[in-house]
PDB file of N, CA and C in Angstrom:
ATOM      1  N   UNK A   1     223.483 106.832 154.513  1.00  0.00           N
ATOM      2  CA  UNK A   1     224.438 105.414 154.180  1.00  0.00           C
ATOM      3  C   UNK A   1     225.362 105.513 155.332  1.00  0.00           C
ATOM      4  N   UNK A   2     225.439 104.444 156.179  1.00  0.00           N
ATOM      5  CA  UNK A   2     226.701 104.535 157.420  1.00  0.00           C
ATOM      6  C   UNK A   2     228.090 103.484 156.970  1.00  0.00           C
ATOM      7  N   UNK A   3     228.928 104.421 157.177  1.00  0.00           N
ATOM      8  CA  UNK A   3     230.488 103.751 156.854  1.00  0.00           C
ATOM      9  C   UNK A   3     230.782 102.726 158.377  1.00  0.00           C
ATOM     10  N   UNK A   4     231.077 101.875 158.168  1.00  0.00           N
ATOM     11  CA  UNK A   4     231.308 100.708 159.714  1.00  0.00           C
ATOM     12  C   UNK A   4     232.360 100.503 159.606  1.00  0.00           C
ATOM     13  N   UNK A   5     233.260 100.218 158.574  1.00  0.00           N
ATOM     14  CA  UNK A   5     234.625  99.897 158.863  1.00  0.00           C
ATOM     15  C   UNK A   5     235.450 100.237 157.327  1.00  0.00           C
ATOM     16  N   UNK A   6     236.552 100.779 157.557  1.00  0.00           N
ATOM     17  CA  UNK A   6     237.619 101.159 156.322  1.00  0.00           C
ATOM     18  C   UNK A   6     239.002  99.983 156.626  1.00  0.00           C
ATOM     19  N   UNK A   7     239.088  99.607 155.202  1.00  0.00           N
ATOM     20  CA  UNK A   7     240.948  98.980 155.287  1.00  0.00           C
ATOM     21  C   UNK A   7     241.328  99.349 153.665  1.00  0.00           C
ATOM     22  N   UNK A   8     242.365  99.920 154.454  1.00  0.00           N
ATOM     23  CA  UNK A   8     243.507 100.558 153.529  1.00  0.00           C
ATOM     24  C   UNK A   8     244.703  99.873 153.801  1.00  0.00           C
ATOM     25  N   UNK A   9     245.713 100.302 152.835  1.00  0.00           N
ATOM     26  CA  UNK A   9     246.916 100.141 152.821  1.00  0.00           C
ATOM     27  C   UNK A   9     247.739 101.021 154.314  1.00  0.00           C
ATOM     28  N   UNK A  10     249.228 100.449 153.977  1.00  0.00           N
ATOM     29  CA  UNK A  10     249.894 101.141 155.172  1.00  0.00           C
ATOM     30  C   UNK A  10     250.518 102.318 155.373  1.00  0.00           C
ATOM     31  N   UNK A  11     249.721 103.104 154.163  1.00  0.00           N
ATOM     32  CA  UNK A  11     250.334 104.212 153.938  1.00  0.00           C
ATOM     33  C   UNK A  11     251.026 105.210 155.293  1.00  0.00           C
ATOM     34  N   UNK A  12     251.458 106.173 155.132  1.00  0.00           N
ATOM     35  CA  UNK A  12     251.668 107.180 156.157  1.00  0.00           C
ATOM     36  C   UNK A  12     250.423 107.947 156.683  1.00  0.00           C
ATOM     37  N   UNK A  13     249.830 107.949 155.582  1.00  0.00           N
ATOM     38  CA  UNK A  13     248.810 109.555 155.615  1.00  0.00           C
ATOM     39  C   UNK A  13     247.639 108.298 156.333  1.00  0.00           C
ATOM     40  N   UNK A  14     247.679 106.693 156.083  1.00  0.00           N
ATOM     41  CA  UNK A  14     246.100 105.947 157.040  1.00  0.00           C
ATOM     42  C   UNK A  14     246.645 105.865 158.262  1.00  0.00           C
ATOM     43  N   UNK A  15     248.209 105.620 158.564  1.00  0.00           N
ATOM     44  CA  UNK A  15     248.682 105.200 159.550  1.00  0.00           C
ATOM     45  C   UNK A  15     248.625 106.473 160.962  1.00  0.00           C
ATOM     46  N   UNK A  16     248.886 107.406 160.302  1.00  0.00           N
ATOM     47  CA  UNK A  16     249.789 108.774 161.035  1.00  0.00           C
ATOM     48  C   UNK A  16     248.842 109.981 160.898  1.00  0.00           C
ATOM     49  N   UNK A  17     248.004 110.242 160.150  1.00  0.00           N
ATOM     50  CA  UNK A  17     246.707 111.502 159.716  1.00  0.00           C
ATOM     51  C   UNK A  17     246.003 111.679 161.079  1.00  0.00           C
ATOM     52  N   UNK A  18     246.288 112.727 161.578  1.00  0.00           N
ATOM     53  CA  UNK A  18     245.565 113.173 162.751  1.00  0.00           C
ATOM     54  C   UNK A  18     244.078 113.570 162.492  1.00  0.00           C
ATOM     55  N   UNK A  19     244.362 114.444 161.190  1.00  0.00           N
ATOM     56  CA  UNK A  19     242.537 114.213 160.651  1.00  0.00           C
ATOM     57  C   UNK A  19     241.789 112.807 160.136  1.00  0.00           C
ATOM     58  N   UNK A  20     242.400 112.126 159.317  1.00  0.00           N
ATOM     59  CA  UNK A  20     241.795 110.912 159.013  1.00  0.00           C
ATOM     60  C   UNK A  20     241.488 110.563 160.534  1.00  0.00           C
ATOM     61  N   UNK A  21     242.139 110.107 161.531  1.00  0.00           N
ATOM     62  CA  UNK A  21     242.155 109.614 162.563  1.00  0.00           C
ATOM     63  C   UNK A  21     240.727 110.496 163.433  1.00  0.00           C
ATOM     64  N   UNK A  22     240.712 111.208 163.023  1.00  0.00           N
ATOM     65  CA  UNK A  22     239.792 112.239 164.158  1.00  0.00           C
ATOM     66  C   UNK A  22     238.030 112.032 163.422  1.00  0.00           C
ATOM     67  N   UNK A  23     238.332 111.782 161.876  1.00  0.00           N
ATOM     68  CA  UNK A  23     237.251 111.225 161.131  1.00  0.00           C
ATOM     69  C   UNK A  23     236.587 110.048 161.347  1.00  0.00           C
ATOM     70  N   UNK A  24     237.747 108.884 161.809  1.00  0.00           N
ATOM     71  CA  UNK A  24     237.395 107.684 161.919  1.00  0.00           C
ATOM     72  C   UNK A  24     236.327 107.449 163.282  1.00  0.00           C
ATOM     73  N   UNK A  25     237.663 108.391 164.430  1.00  0.00           N
ATOM     74  CA  UNK A  25     236.874 108.135 165.751  1.00  0.00           C
ATOM     75  C   UNK A  25     235.740 108.547 165.759  1.00  0.00           C
ATOM     76  N   UNK A  26     235.439 109.536 165.683  1.00  0.00           N
ATOM     77  CA  UNK A  26     234.239 110.617 165.499  1.00  0.00           C
ATOM     78  C   UNK A  26     232.948 109.911 165.035  1.00  0.00           C
ATOM     79  N   UNK A  27     232.953 108.965 163.778  1.00  0.00           N
ATOM     80  CA  UNK A  27     231.883 108.314 163.317  1.00  0.00           C
ATOM     81  C   UNK A  27     232.007 106.791 163.769  1.00  0.00           C
ATOM     82  N   UNK A  28     232.756 106.161 164.971  1.00  0.00           N
ATOM     83  CA  UNK A  28     232.679 104.972 165.172  1.00  0.00           C
ATOM     84  C   UNK A  28     233.380 104.002 163.969  1.00  0.00           C
ATOM     85  N   UNK A  29     233.842 104.135 163.118  1.00  0.00           N
ATOM     86  CA  UNK A  29     234.614 103.210 162.234  1.00  0.00           C
ATOM     87  C   UNK A  29     235.673 102.596 162.754  1.00  0.00           C
ATOM     88  N   UNK A  30     235.321 101.340 162.332  1.00  0.00           N
ATOM     89  CA  UNK A  30     236.653 100.423 162.474  1.00  0.00           C
ATOM     90  C   UNK A  30     237.535 100.415 161.555  1.00  0.00           C
ATOM     91  N   UNK A  31     238.856 100.811 161.577  1.00  0.00           N
ATOM     92  CA  UNK A  31     239.726 100.734 160.481  1.00  0.00           C
ATOM     93  C   UNK A  31     241.010  99.577 160.814  1.00  0.00           C
ATOM     94  N   UNK A  32     241.264  99.482 159.500  1.00  0.00           N
ATOM     95  CA  UNK A  32     241.928  97.977 159.248  1.00  0.00           C
ATOM     96  C   UNK A  32     243.144  97.958 158.183  1.00  0.00           C
ATOM     97  N   UNK A  33     243.776  97.229 158.525  1.00  0.00           N
ATOM     98  CA  UNK A  33     245.222  97.245 157.568  1.00  0.00           C
ATOM     99  C   UNK A  33     245.379  96.194 157.231  1.00  0.00           C
ATOM    100  N   UNK A  34     245.480  96.297 155.557  1.00  0.00           N
ATOM    101  CA  UNK A  34     246.235  95.133 155.147  1.00  0.00           C
ATOM    102  C   UNK A  34     247.223  94.693 155.165  1.00  0.00           C
ATOM    103  N   UNK A  35     247.451  93.640 155.157  1.00  0.00           N
ATOM    104  CA  UNK A  35     249.252  92.733 155.678  1.00  0.00           C
ATOM    105  C   UNK A  35     249.883  93.401 154.771  1.00  0.00           C
ATOM    106  N   UNK A  36     251.086  93.708 155.547  1.00  0.00           N
ATOM    107  CA  UNK A  36     252.294  94.439 154.901  1.00  0.00           C
ATOM    108  C   UNK A  36     252.718  93.920 153.830  1.00  0.00           C
ATOM    109  N   UNK A  37     252.999  94.850 152.905  1.00  0.00           N
ATOM    110  CA  UNK A  37     253.803  93.824 151.537  1.00  0.00           C
ATOM    111  C   UNK A  37     253.006  92.832 150.606  1.00  0.00           C
ATOM    112  N   UNK A  38     251.571  93.243 151.136  1.00  0.00           N
ATOM    113  CA  UNK A  38     250.564  92.156 150.249  1.00  0.00           C
ATOM    114  C   UNK A  38     249.421  93.407 149.862  1.00  0.00           C
ATOM    115  N   UNK A  39     249.620  93.899 148.412  1.00  0.00           N
ATOM    116  CA  UNK A  39     248.968  94.977 148.031  1.00  0.00           C
ATOM    117  C   UNK A  39     247.627  93.777 147.189  1.00  0.00           C
ATOM    118  N   UNK A  40     248.130  92.882 147.060  1.00  0.00           N
ATOM    119  CA  UNK A  40     246.421  92.391 146.280  1.00  0.00           C
ATOM    120  C   UNK A  40     245.461  92.197 147.170  1.00  0.00           C
ATOM    121  N   UNK A  41     245.480  92.298 148.684  1.00  0.00           N
ATOM    122  CA  UNK A  41     244.605  92.623 149.527  1.00  0.00           C
ATOM    123  C   UNK A  41     243.702  93.498 149.302  1.00  0.00           C
ATOM    124  N   UNK A  42     244.130  94.709 148.811  1.00  0.00           N
ATOM    125  CA  UNK A  42     243.425  95.852 148.146  1.00  0.00           C
ATOM    126  C   UNK A  42     243.281  95.732 147.226  1.00  0.00           C
ATOM    127  N   UNK A  43     242.713  94.835 146.650  1.00  0.00           N
ATOM    128  CA  UNK A  43     242.503  94.407 144.870  1.00  0.00           C
ATOM    129  C   UNK A  43     241.307  95.610 144.602  1.00  0.00           C
ATOM    130  N   UNK A  44     240.374  95.504 145.154  1.00  0.00           N
ATOM    131  CA  UNK A  44     238.882  96.298 145.173  1.00  0.00           C
ATOM    132  C   UNK A  44     239.344  97.812 145.061  1.00  0.00           C
ATOM    133  N   UNK A  45     240.195  98.270 145.250  1.00  0.00           N
ATOM    134  CA  UNK A  45     240.695  99.294 145.291  1.00  0.00           C
ATOM    135  C   UNK A  45     241.622  99.825 144.078  1.00  0.00           C
ATOM    136  N   UNK A  46     242.319  98.748 144.225  1.00  0.00           N
ATOM    137  CA  UNK A  46     243.213  98.712 143.213  1.00  0.00           C
ATOM    138  C   UNK A  46     242.752  98.914 141.422  1.00  0.00           C
ATOM    139  N   UNK A  47     241.402  97.971 141.902  1.00  0.00           N
ATOM    140  CA  UNK A  47     240.921  98.120 140.272  1.00  0.00           C
ATOM    141  C   UNK A  47     239.871  99.177 140.254  1.00  0.00           C
ATOM    142  N   UNK A  48     239.524 100.097 141.573  1.00  0.00           N
ATOM    143  CA  UNK A  48     238.643 101.037 141.340  1.00  0.00           C
ATOM    144  C   UNK A  48     239.537 102.481 140.920  1.00  0.00           C
ATOM    145  N   UNK A  49     241.278 102.244 141.109  1.00  0.00           N
ATOM    146  CA  UNK A  49     241.784 103.146 140.519  1.00  0.00           C
ATOM    147  C   UNK A  49     242.214 103.138 139.115  1.00  0.00           C
ATOM    148  N   UNK A  50     242.564 101.803 139.269  1.00  0.00           N
ATOM    149  CA  UNK A  50     242.441 101.479 137.411  1.00  0.00           C
ATOM    150  C   UNK A  50     241.540 101.857 136.641  1.00  0.00           C
ATOM    151  N   UNK A  51     240.420 101.755 136.852  1.00  0.00           N
ATOM    152  CA  UNK A  51     239.116 102.139 136.273  1.00  0.00           C
ATOM    153  C   UNK A  51     238.563 103.835 136.312  1.00  0.00           C
ATOM    154  N   UNK A  52     238.900 104.561 137.293  1.00  0.00           N
ATOM    155  CA  UNK A  52     239.233 105.710 137.447  1.00  0.00           C
ATOM    156  C   UNK A  52     240.179 106.557 136.422  1.00  0.00           C
ATOM    157  N   UNK A  53     241.399 106.070 136.597  1.00  0.00           N
ATOM    158  CA  UNK A  53     242.293 106.132 135.339  1.00  0.00           C
ATOM    159  C   UNK A  53     241.989 106.417 133.968  1.00  0.00           C
ATOM    160  N   UNK A  54     241.713 104.897 133.708  1.00  0.00           N
ATOM    161  CA  UNK A  54     241.154 104.782 132.172  1.00  0.00           C
ATOM    162  C   UNK A  54     239.605 105.369 131.578  1.00  0.00           C
ATOM    163  N   UNK A  55     238.888 105.727 132.936  1.00  0.00           N
ATOM    164  CA  UNK A  55     237.292 105.879 132.115  1.00  0.00           C
ATOM    165  C   UNK A  55     236.746 107.379 132.333  1.00  0.00           C
ATOM    166  N   UNK A  56     238.096 107.607 133.541  1.00  0.00           N
ATOM    167  CA  UNK A  56     237.955 109.392 133.923  1.00  0.00           C
ATOM    168  C   UNK A  56     239.110 110.044 133.660  1.00  0.00           C
ATOM    169  N   UNK A  57     239.865 109.699 134.303  1.00  0.00           N
ATOM    170  CA  UNK A  57     241.038 110.686 134.358  1.00  0.00           C
ATOM    171  C   UNK A  57     242.228 111.072 132.718  1.00  0.00           C
ATOM    172  N   UNK A  58     242.168 109.813 132.277  1.00  0.00           N
ATOM    173  CA  UNK A  58     243.008 109.878 130.822  1.00  0.00           C
ATOM    174  C   UNK A  58     241.796 109.172 129.949  1.00  0.00           C
ATOM    175  N   UNK A  59     240.752 109.310 130.110  1.00  0.00           N
ATOM    176  CA  UNK A  59     239.537 108.715 129.127  1.00  0.00           C
ATOM    177  C   UNK A  59     239.642 109.712 127.579  1.00  0.00           C
ATOM    178  N   UNK A  60     239.884 110.887 127.954  1.00  0.00           N
ATOM    179  CA  UNK A  60     240.094 112.001 126.829  1.00  0.00           C
ATOM    180  C   UNK A  60     240.933 113.147 127.018  1.00  0.00           C
ATOM    181  N   UNK A  61     241.482 113.841 126.412  1.00  0.00           N
ATOM    182  CA  UNK A  61     242.468 114.907 126.603  1.00  0.00           C
ATOM    183  C   UNK A  61     241.368 116.208 126.909  1.00  0.00           C
ATOM    184  N   UNK A  62     241.749 116.943 128.588  1.00  0.00           N
ATOM    185  CA  UNK A  62     241.466 117.732 129.249  1.00  0.00           C
ATOM    186  C   UNK A  62     242.236 119.011 128.984  1.00  0.00           C
ATOM    187  N   UNK A  63     241.449 120.008 129.062  1.00  0.00           N
ATOM    188  CA  UNK A  63     242.014 121.575 128.630  1.00  0.00           C
ATOM    189  C   UNK A  63     242.669 121.951 130.372  1.00  0.00           C
ATOM    190  N   UNK A  64     242.279 120.942 131.207  1.00  0.00           N
ATOM    191  CA  UNK A  64     243.006 121.822 132.515  1.00  0.00           C
ATOM    192  C   UNK A  64     242.634 120.984 133.552  1.00  0.00           C
ATOM    193  N   UNK A  65     243.302 120.966 134.527  1.00  0.00           N
ATOM    194  CA  UNK A  65     242.931 120.147 135.784  1.00  0.00           C
ATOM    195  C   UNK A  65     241.903 120.341 136.301  1.00  0.00           C
ATOM    196  N   UNK A  66     241.683 121.605 136.513  1.00  0.00           N
ATOM    197  CA  UNK A  66     239.824 122.075 137.079  1.00  0.00           C
ATOM    198  C   UNK A  66     238.865 121.405 135.956  1.00  0.00           C
ATOM    199  N   UNK A  67     239.176 121.668 134.733  1.00  0.00           N
ATOM    200  CA  UNK A  67     238.332 120.775 133.955  1.00  0.00           C
ATOM    201  C   UNK A  67     237.878 119.488 134.035  1.00  0.00           C
ATOM    202  N   UNK A  68     239.211 118.895 134.561  1.00  0.00           N
ATOM    203  CA  UNK A  68     239.043 116.658 134.697  1.00  0.00           C
ATOM    204  C   UNK A  68     238.453 117.140 136.304  1.00  0.00           C
ATOM    205  N   UNK A  69     238.894 117.874 137.129  1.00  0.00           N
ATOM    206  CA  UNK A  69     237.924 117.965 138.549  1.00  0.00           C
ATOM    207  C   UNK A  69     236.523 118.000 138.322  1.00  0.00           C
ATOM    208  N   UNK A  70     236.271 119.061 137.576  1.00  0.00           N
ATOM    209  CA  UNK A  70     234.557 119.241 137.237  1.00  0.00           C
ATOM    210  C   UNK A  70     234.079 117.819 136.560  1.00  0.00           C
ATOM    211  N   UNK A  71     234.818 117.280 135.772  1.00  0.00           N
ATOM    212  CA  UNK A  71     234.061 115.698 135.560  1.00  0.00           C
ATOM    213  C   UNK A  71     234.368 114.739 136.355  1.00  0.00           C
ATOM    214  N   UNK A  72     235.029 115.157 137.394  1.00  0.00           N
ATOM    215  CA  UNK A  72     234.608 113.856 137.990  1.00  0.00           C
ATOM    216  C   UNK A  72     233.434 113.805 138.835  1.00  0.00           C
ATOM    217  N   UNK A  73     232.409 114.920 138.938  1.00  0.00           N
ATOM    218  CA  UNK A  73     231.553 114.357 139.733  1.00  0.00           C
ATOM    219  C   UNK A  73     230.110 113.539 138.808  1.00  0.00           C
ATOM    220  N   UNK A  74     230.413 113.881 137.449  1.00  0.00           N
ATOM    221  CA  UNK A  74     229.515 113.572 136.490  1.00  0.00           C
ATOM    222  C   UNK A  74     229.857 112.037 136.418  1.00  0.00           C
ATOM    223  N   UNK A  75     231.243 111.816 136.400  1.00  0.00           N
ATOM    224  CA  UNK A  75     231.604 110.345 136.407  1.00  0.00           C
ATOM    225  C   UNK A  75     231.499 109.566 137.522  1.00  0.00           C
ATOM    226  N   UNK A  76     231.455 110.056 138.363  1.00  0.00           N
ATOM    227  CA  UNK A  76     231.532 109.655 139.669  1.00  0.00           C
ATOM    228  C   UNK A  76     229.960 108.824 140.107  1.00  0.00           C
ATOM    229  N   UNK A  77     228.577 109.730 139.372  1.00  0.00           N
ATOM    230  CA  UNK A  77     227.356 109.450 139.405  1.00  0.00           C
ATOM    231  C   UNK A  77     226.838 108.426 138.213  1.00  0.00           C
ATOM    232  N   UNK A  78     227.782 108.358 137.216  1.00  0.00           N
ATOM    233  CA  UNK A  78     227.671 107.488 136.153  1.00  0.00           C
ATOM    234  C   UNK A  78     227.774 106.117 136.916  1.00  0.00           C
ATOM    235  N   UNK A  79     229.274 106.387 137.550  1.00  0.00           N
ATOM    236  CA  UNK A  79     229.533 104.933 137.879  1.00  0.00           C
ATOM    237  C   UNK A  79     228.865 104.433 138.708  1.00  0.00           C
ATOM    238  N   UNK A  80     228.426 105.106 139.970  1.00  0.00           N
ATOM    239  CA  UNK A  80     227.732 104.386 140.915  1.00  0.00           C
ATOM    240  C   UNK A  80     225.972 104.742 140.702  1.00  0.00           C
ATOM    241  N   UNK A  81     225.455 104.985 139.950  1.00  0.00           N
ATOM    242  CA  UNK A  81     224.217 104.959 139.858  1.00  0.00           C
ATOM    243  C   UNK A  81     223.935 104.677 138.578  1.00  0.00           C
ATOM    244  N   UNK A  82     224.637 104.405 137.396  1.00  0.00           N
ATOM    245  CA  UNK A  82     224.253 103.963 136.102  1.00  0.00           C
ATOM    246  C   UNK A  82     225.157 102.929 135.689  1.00  0.00           C
ATOM    247  N   UNK A  83     226.248 102.911 135.873  1.00  0.00           N
ATOM    248  CA  UNK A  83     227.239 101.790 135.182  1.00  0.00           C
ATOM    249  C   UNK A  83     227.055 100.530 135.669  1.00  0.00           C
ATOM    250  N   UNK A  84     226.294  99.546 135.355  1.00  0.00           N
ATOM    251  CA  UNK A  84     225.989  97.968 135.817  1.00  0.00           C
ATOM    252  C   UNK A  84     227.535  97.781 135.804  1.00  0.00           C
ATOM    253  N   UNK A  85     227.902  97.032 137.172  1.00  0.00           N
ATOM    254  CA  UNK A  85     229.037  96.229 137.677  1.00  0.00           C
ATOM    255  C   UNK A  85     228.958  94.882 137.500  1.00  0.00           C
ATOM    256  N   UNK A  86     230.058  93.662 136.600  1.00  0.00           N
ATOM    257  CA  UNK A  86     229.895  92.892 136.112  1.00  0.00           C
ATOM    258  C   UNK A  86     230.350  91.740 137.877  1.00  0.00           C
ATOM    259  N   UNK A  87     230.663  92.662 138.351  1.00  0.00           N
ATOM    260  CA  UNK A  87     231.322  91.836 139.682  1.00  0.00           C
ATOM    261  C   UNK A  87     230.495  91.683 140.525  1.00  0.00           C
ATOM    262  N   UNK A  88     229.058  92.540 140.602  1.00  0.00           N
ATOM    263  CA  UNK A  88     228.479  92.670 141.902  1.00  0.00           C
ATOM    264  C   UNK A  88     226.553  91.984 140.819  1.00  0.00           C
ATOM    265  N   UNK A  89     227.035  91.291 139.884  1.00  0.00           N
ATOM    266  CA  UNK A  89     225.499  90.713 139.199  1.00  0.00           C
ATOM    267  C   UNK A  89     225.334  91.863 138.090  1.00  0.00           C
ATOM    268  N   UNK A  90     225.334  92.639 137.575  1.00  0.00           N
ATOM    269  CA  UNK A  90     225.178  93.358 136.439  1.00  0.00           C
ATOM    270  C   UNK A  90     224.548  94.789 136.881  1.00  0.00           C
ATOM    271  N   UNK A  91     224.408  94.983 138.416  1.00  0.00           N
ATOM    272  CA  UNK A  91     223.911  95.798 139.377  1.00  0.00           C
ATOM    273  C   UNK A  91     224.960  96.893 139.301  1.00  0.00           C
ATOM    274  N   UNK A  92     224.030  98.066 139.980  1.00  0.00           N
ATOM    275  CA  UNK A  92     224.879  99.083 139.791  1.00  0.00           C
ATOM    276  C   UNK A  92     225.002  99.287 141.542  1.00  0.00           C
ATOM    277  N   UNK A  93     226.240 100.167 141.697  1.00  0.00           N
ATOM    278  CA  UNK A  93     226.527 100.166 143.236  1.00  0.00           C
ATOM    279  C   UNK A  93     224.871 100.624 144.148  1.00  0.00           C
ATOM    280  N   UNK A  94     224.449 101.411 143.422  1.00  0.00           N
ATOM    281  CA  UNK A  94     223.455 102.261 144.151  1.00  0.00           C
ATOM    282  C   UNK A  94     222.272 101.306 144.652  1.00  0.00           C
ATOM    283  N   UNK A  95     222.012 100.245 143.407  1.00  0.00           N
ATOM    284  CA  UNK A  95     221.098  99.248 143.541  1.00  0.00           C
ATOM    285  C   UNK A  95     221.552  98.093 145.063  1.00  0.00           C
ATOM    286  N   UNK A  96     222.507  98.249 145.363  1.00  0.00           N
ATOM    287  CA  UNK A  96     223.184  97.168 146.221  1.00  0.00           C
ATOM    288  C   UNK A  96     222.939  97.840 147.720  1.00  0.00           C
ATOM    289  N   UNK A  97     222.629  99.283 147.600  1.00  0.00           N
ATOM    290  CA  UNK A  97     222.231 100.270 148.892  1.00  0.00           C
ATOM    291  C   UNK A  97     220.754  99.510 149.624  1.00  0.00           C
ATOM    292  N   UNK A  98     220.324  99.354 151.034  1.00  0.00           N
ATOM    293  CA  UNK A  98     219.457  98.901 151.457  1.00  0.00           C
ATOM    294  C   UNK A  98     218.203  99.766 151.029  1.00  0.00           C
ATOM    295  N   UNK A  99     218.557 101.325 150.941  1.00  0.00           N
ATOM    296  CA  UNK A  99     217.872 102.265 151.257  1.00  0.00           C
ATOM    297  C   UNK A  99     217.387 103.125 149.990  1.00  0.00           C
ATOM    298  N   UNK A 100     218.155 102.436 148.675  1.00  0.00           N
ATOM    299  CA  UNK A 100     217.945 102.645 147.486  1.00  0.00           C
ATOM    300  C   UNK A 100     218.103 104.174 146.970  1.00  0.00           C
ATOM    301  N   UNK A 101     217.853 104.364 145.555  1.00  0.00           N
ATOM    302  CA  UNK A 101     218.428 105.593 144.905  1.00  0.00           C
ATOM    303  C   UNK A 101     218.035 107.093 145.920  1.00  0.00           C
ATOM    304  N   UNK A 102     216.873 107.104 145.959  1.00  0.00           N
ATOM    305  CA  UNK A 102     216.153 108.451 147.050  1.00  0.00           C
ATOM    306  C   UNK A 102     217.543 108.684 148.137  1.00  0.00           C
ATOM    307  N   UNK A 103     218.558 108.342 148.621  1.00  0.00           N
ATOM    308  CA  UNK A 103     219.202 108.409 149.660  1.00  0.00           C
ATOM    309  C   UNK A 103     220.325 108.481 149.228  1.00  0.00           C
ATOM    310  N   UNK A 104     221.149 108.534 147.744  1.00  0.00           N
ATOM    311  CA  UNK A 104     222.272 109.093 147.828  1.00  0.00           C
ATOM    312  C   UNK A 104     222.580 110.053 147.706  1.00  0.00           C
ATOM    313  N   UNK A 105     223.638 110.636 147.932  1.00  0.00           N
ATOM    314  CA  UNK A 105     224.253 112.161 148.050  1.00  0.00           C
ATOM    315  C   UNK A 105     225.784 112.164 147.637  1.00  0.00           C
TER     316      UNK A 105
END
């Protein structure tokens, strides 16, 4: 899968990070920013953040941050490979990728 473009808010890290800019430039990714003071423009990301919080980060008590971090990989696999998303017609995100399940890493 190739990332073609990234849209982000106007946080300092996205505007001024040399490391972030190096990745964008290295992979010829087009970078766009949301209109200042319009966070609803970034609604898909805000929704993902909410889902991360409710279904992974705070879904159960974790014994440590290391345990929570270890659970993220399992949750992301579930989210991208198995969990049906109503916003995309009940499909999983991996089903929307042209090259199919075999290419997900």
